[in-house]
Amino acid sequence: MQIERVLEKVRPFLNRDGGDVTYLGFKDGTVYLKMTGACEGCLYAEADITSGIEIILVDEVPGVTGVDASGVFPPEEK
């Protein structure tokens, strides 16, 4: 899958700081991820997602419009 191939490109940058990302799924233009390792709960995780992972996915994968890294797929209704 194209999304997973793109995540493999960014994974080494997360791994070097002890973090990682798990792909949970894709729905309605949104890629659902779970940040793991040192990235889970990290103050910089949101910046890594929006300024890195999301930009790359939107640019390289047709149909992707955003990323949700809440760790839940699909997100629970409130």
C-alpha atoms as a PDB file:
ATOM      1  CA  MET A   1       0.000   0.000   0.000  1.00  0.00           C
ATOM      2  CA  GLN A   2       1.248   3.466  -0.895  1.00  0.00           C
ATOM      3  CA  ILE A   3       0.593   4.970   2.550  1.00  0.00           C
ATOM      4  CA  GLU A   4       2.729   2.320   4.240  1.00  0.00           C
ATOM      5  CA  ARG A   5       5.557   2.884   1.738  1.00  0.00           C
ATOM      6  CA  VAL A   6       5.567   6.590   2.566  1.00  0.00           C
ATOM      7  CA  LEU A   7       5.583   5.832   6.292  1.00  0.00           C
ATOM      8  CA  GLU A   8       8.638   3.635   5.742  1.00  0.00           C
ATOM      9  CA  LYS A   9      10.420   6.736   4.403  1.00  0.00           C
ATOM     10  CA  VAL A  10       9.760   8.780   7.563  1.00  0.00           C
ATOM     11  CA  ARG A  11      10.158   5.932  10.058  1.00  0.00           C
ATOM     12  CA  PRO A  12      13.986   6.198  10.286  1.00  0.00           C
ATOM     13  CA  PHE A  13      13.687   9.814  11.460  1.00  0.00           C
ATOM     14  CA  LEU A  14      11.313   8.773  14.238  1.00  0.00           C
ATOM     15  CA  ASN A  15      13.398   5.702  15.112  1.00  0.00           C
ATOM     16  CA  ARG A  16      16.579   7.691  15.659  1.00  0.00           C
ATOM     17  CA  ASP A  17      14.903   9.360  18.655  1.00  0.00           C
ATOM     18  CA  GLY A  18      13.419   6.104  19.938  1.00  0.00           C
ATOM     19  CA  GLY A  19       9.971   6.592  18.443  1.00  0.00           C
ATOM     20  CA  ASP A  20       7.849   4.996  15.788  1.00  0.00           C
ATOM     21  CA  VAL A  21       4.451   5.168  14.131  1.00  0.00           C
ATOM     22  CA  THR A  22       1.829   2.479  13.565  1.00  0.00           C
ATOM     23  CA  TYR A  23      -0.559   2.696  10.627  1.00  0.00           C
ATOM     24  CA  LEU A  24      -4.130   2.007  11.769  1.00  0.00           C
ATOM     25  CA  GLY A  25      -6.103   2.685   8.602  1.00  0.00           C
ATOM     26  CA  PHE A  26      -7.441   5.130   6.036  1.00  0.00           C
ATOM     27  CA  LYS A  27     -10.959   6.542   5.852  1.00  0.00           C
ATOM     28  CA  ASP A  28     -12.526   9.554   4.113  1.00  0.00           C
ATOM     29  CA  GLY A  29      -9.164  11.102   3.203  1.00  0.00           C
ATOM     30  CA  THR A  30      -7.682  10.725   6.691  1.00  0.00           C
ATOM     31  CA  VAL A  31      -4.775   8.468   7.590  1.00  0.00           C
ATOM     32  CA  TYR A  32      -5.075   7.156  11.149  1.00  0.00           C
ATOM     33  CA  LEU A  33      -1.846   6.607  13.058  1.00  0.00           C
ATOM     34  CA  LYS A  34      -0.651   5.757  16.530  1.00  0.00           C
ATOM     35  CA  MET A  35       2.590   7.250  17.748  1.00  0.00           C
ATOM     36  CA  THR A  36       4.636   4.701  19.701  1.00  0.00           C
ATOM     37  CA  GLY A  37       7.870   4.455  21.641  1.00  0.00           C
ATOM     38  CA  ALA A  38       9.388   7.780  22.592  1.00  0.00           C
ATOM     39  CA  CYS A  39       6.909   9.562  20.282  1.00  0.00           C
ATOM     40  CA  GLU A  40       3.940   8.509  22.400  1.00  0.00           C
ATOM     41  CA  GLY A  41       3.163  11.458  24.641  1.00  0.00           C
ATOM     42  CA  CYS A  42       6.127  13.488  23.362  1.00  0.00           C
ATOM     43  CA  LEU A  43       5.648  17.253  23.279  1.00  0.00           C
ATOM     44  CA  TYR A  44       7.004  17.353  19.725  1.00  0.00           C
ATOM     45  CA  ALA A  45       4.881  14.511  18.323  1.00  0.00           C
ATOM     46  CA  GLU A  46       2.156  16.857  17.057  1.00  0.00           C
ATOM     47  CA  ALA A  47       4.742  18.969  15.225  1.00  0.00           C
ATOM     48  CA  ASP A  48       6.309  15.833  13.720  1.00  0.00           C
ATOM     49  CA  ILE A  49       2.897  14.815  12.439  1.00  0.00           C
ATOM     50  CA  THR A  50       1.710  18.123  10.995  1.00  0.00           C
ATOM     51  CA  SER A  51       4.993  19.482   9.673  1.00  0.00           C
ATOM     52  CA  GLY A  52       6.396  16.167   8.503  1.00  0.00           C
ATOM     53  CA  ILE A  53       4.276  13.070   8.158  1.00  0.00           C
ATOM     54  CA  GLU A  54       1.077  14.828   7.089  1.00  0.00           C
ATOM     55  CA  ILE A  55       2.761  17.036   4.475  1.00  0.00           C
ATOM     56  CA  ILE A  56       4.536  14.059   2.922  1.00  0.00           C
ATOM     57  CA  LEU A  57       1.427  11.854   2.866  1.00  0.00           C
ATOM     58  CA  VAL A  58      -0.780  14.583   1.369  1.00  0.00           C
ATOM     59  CA  ASP A  59       1.875  15.323  -1.239  1.00  0.00           C
ATOM     60  CA  GLU A  60       2.677  11.741  -2.230  1.00  0.00           C
ATOM     61  CA  VAL A  61      -0.561   9.797  -1.813  1.00  0.00           C
ATOM     62  CA  PRO A  62      -3.599  10.779  -3.888  1.00  0.00           C
ATOM     63  CA  GLY A  63      -6.731  11.124  -1.777  1.00  0.00           C
ATOM     64  CA  VAL A  64      -4.994  11.812   1.526  1.00  0.00           C
ATOM     65  CA  THR A  65      -6.172  15.099   3.029  1.00  0.00           C
ATOM     66  CA  GLY A  66      -4.970  14.778   6.606  1.00  0.00           C
ATOM     67  CA  VAL A  67      -3.598  12.707   9.454  1.00  0.00           C
ATOM     68  CA  ASP A  68      -5.182  11.770  12.771  1.00  0.00           C
ATOM     69  CA  ALA A  69      -2.665  10.459  15.297  1.00  0.00           C
ATOM     70  CA  SER A  70      -5.105   9.939  18.155  1.00  0.00           C
ATOM     71  CA  GLY A  71      -4.327   6.227  18.070  1.00  0.00           C
ATOM     72  CA  VAL A  72      -7.967   5.326  17.421  1.00  0.00           C
ATOM     73  CA  PHE A  73      -9.511   4.118  14.163  1.00  0.00           C
ATOM     74  CA  PRO A  74     -12.104   5.239  13.446  1.00  0.00           C
ATOM     75  CA  PRO A  75     -12.243   8.011  16.018  1.00  0.00           C
ATOM     76  CA  GLU A  76     -14.911   7.602  18.644  1.00  0.00           C
ATOM     77  CA  GLU A  77     -17.966   9.830  18.280  1.00  0.00           C
ATOM     78  CA  LYS A  78     -18.360  12.357  21.085  1.00  0.00           C
END
